[in-house]
Structure formats: C-alpha cells, structure tokens
Protein backbone atom coordinates (compact mmCIF):
# COMPACT_ATOMS: atom_id res chain seq x y z
CA MET A 1 101.25 112.91 205.24
CA GLU A 2 98.91 112.79 202.33
CA VAL A 3 95.27 110.89 202.83
CA SER A 4 92.17 110.93 200.34
CA LYS A 5 89.40 113.68 200.91
CA GLU A 6 87.40 110.63 201.33
CA VAL A 7 89.33 109.76 204.27
CA ARG A 8 89.63 113.22 205.56
CA GLU A 9 85.47 113.77 205.09
CA LYS A 10 84.83 110.70 206.99
CA ALA A 11 87.85 111.75 210.05
CA LEU A 12 85.89 115.36 210.12
CA ARG A 13 82.20 113.28 210.39
CA ILE A 14 83.96 110.72 212.95
CA LEU A 15 85.12 114.24 214.87
CA ARG A 16 81.98 116.35 214.40
CA GLU A 17 79.56 113.65 215.46
CA GLY A 18 82.02 113.65 218.99
CA LYS A 19 82.88 109.95 218.13
CA VAL A 20 86.45 110.26 219.50
CA LYS A 21 87.40 109.95 223.26
CA LYS A 22 90.52 110.14 224.66
CA ASP A 23 90.76 107.64 226.97
CA ILE A 24 94.25 107.58 228.56
CA GLU A 25 97.39 109.24 228.43
CA THR A 26 101.12 107.88 229.87
CA GLU A 27 104.84 109.61 229.38
CA LYS A 28 105.17 107.44 226.34
CA ARG A 29 101.74 107.15 224.44
CA ILE A 30 97.90 108.52 224.07
CA HIS A 31 95.18 105.94 223.93
CA PHE A 32 91.96 106.68 221.79
CA THR A 33 88.63 105.43 221.22
CA VAL A 34 87.53 106.01 217.95
CA GLN A 35 83.68 104.82 216.91
CA GLY A 36 83.62 104.13 212.85
CA GLU A 37 80.99 103.05 210.90
CA THR A 38 80.47 99.66 212.05
CA GLU A 39 83.03 99.11 215.17
CA THR A 40 85.16 100.93 217.78
CA HIS A 41 88.55 100.87 216.96
CA SER A 42 91.66 101.32 219.22
CA VAL A 43 93.83 104.17 218.51
CA ILE A 44 97.37 104.67 220.07
CA TYR A 45 100.05 107.42 219.78
CA ASP A 46 103.83 106.54 220.83
CA LYS A 47 105.05 110.11 221.48
CA ILE A 48 108.42 108.11 221.32
CA LYS A 49 108.68 107.39 218.14
CA LYS A 50 106.04 109.85 217.02
CA GLU A 51 103.78 106.98 215.08
CA TRP A 52 100.58 106.71 214.94
CA SER A 53 99.17 103.01 215.28
CA CYS A 54 95.03 101.79 214.72
CA ASP A 55 93.69 98.30 214.90
CA CYS A 56 91.13 98.59 211.70
CA MET A 57 91.69 96.84 208.34
CA TYR A 58 92.28 99.79 206.61
CA LEU A 59 95.35 100.51 207.84
CA THR A 60 96.39 96.82 207.84
CA LEU A 61 95.78 96.47 204.35
CA ARG A 62 96.28 99.52 203.00
CA GLU A 63 99.04 101.33 205.23
CA LYS A 64 97.65 104.70 204.45
CA THR A 65 96.53 106.77 207.83
CA CYS A 66 93.21 106.56 208.45
CA SER A 67 89.99 107.96 208.94
CA HIS A 68 90.38 106.93 212.88
CA ILE A 69 94.10 108.07 213.23
CA LEU A 70 93.30 111.20 211.48
CA ALA A 71 90.05 112.02 213.54
CA ALA A 72 92.47 111.40 216.87
CA GLN A 73 95.04 113.52 215.43
CA LEU A 74 91.99 116.49 214.88
CA PHE A 75 91.17 116.00 217.98
CA LEU A 76 94.22 116.61 219.52
CA LYS A 77 94.69 119.73 217.59
CA GLN A 78 91.35 120.84 218.58
CA LYS A 79 91.76 120.36 222.06
CA SER A 80 95.84 121.89 222.07
CA SER A 81 94.13 125.02 220.39
CA THR A 82 91.49 125.91 223.42
C-alpha cells in the first residue's frame, strides 16, 4: 500500500519516540495504542481479514493508510526481527 512521504516520516517519528504500544494479542486480532500528535489512537490488526483499522480522522476521511497504522506495522516488523 502506497503512503505519502509525510505519513511515512510521521510514522517513523512515532516509532522512534516509543509511542506505539501493543496492548493485547488474541487468535484473531492485535490491539495497539498509538500516541499521535494530539491524541491517542486505537489501532487494530484483524489477522483473519488481514486488515488494519484506526480510529483517527485521517483514515476515516481520506481512506488511506494513516501514520498510526504504519507505525504499528513498523513496530511489528521491528519486534519480529529481534
């Protein structure tokens, strides 16, 4: 999925600053809390559907991957490579 340079930079900053937290993982979903610039967001990965969701306005209004989802994806990749 294509993301803008701005969204990618924001996601990397969120990750670098330690603002991604994996809350709980079940057989079907992984729940994250991601601290954005102004508020905390709930990001969920549905393992069955292989779909990401976030409660932020960017995703809702633009229907594009937000920095919160990308930060959670990068967080998972980082943890799986260690």
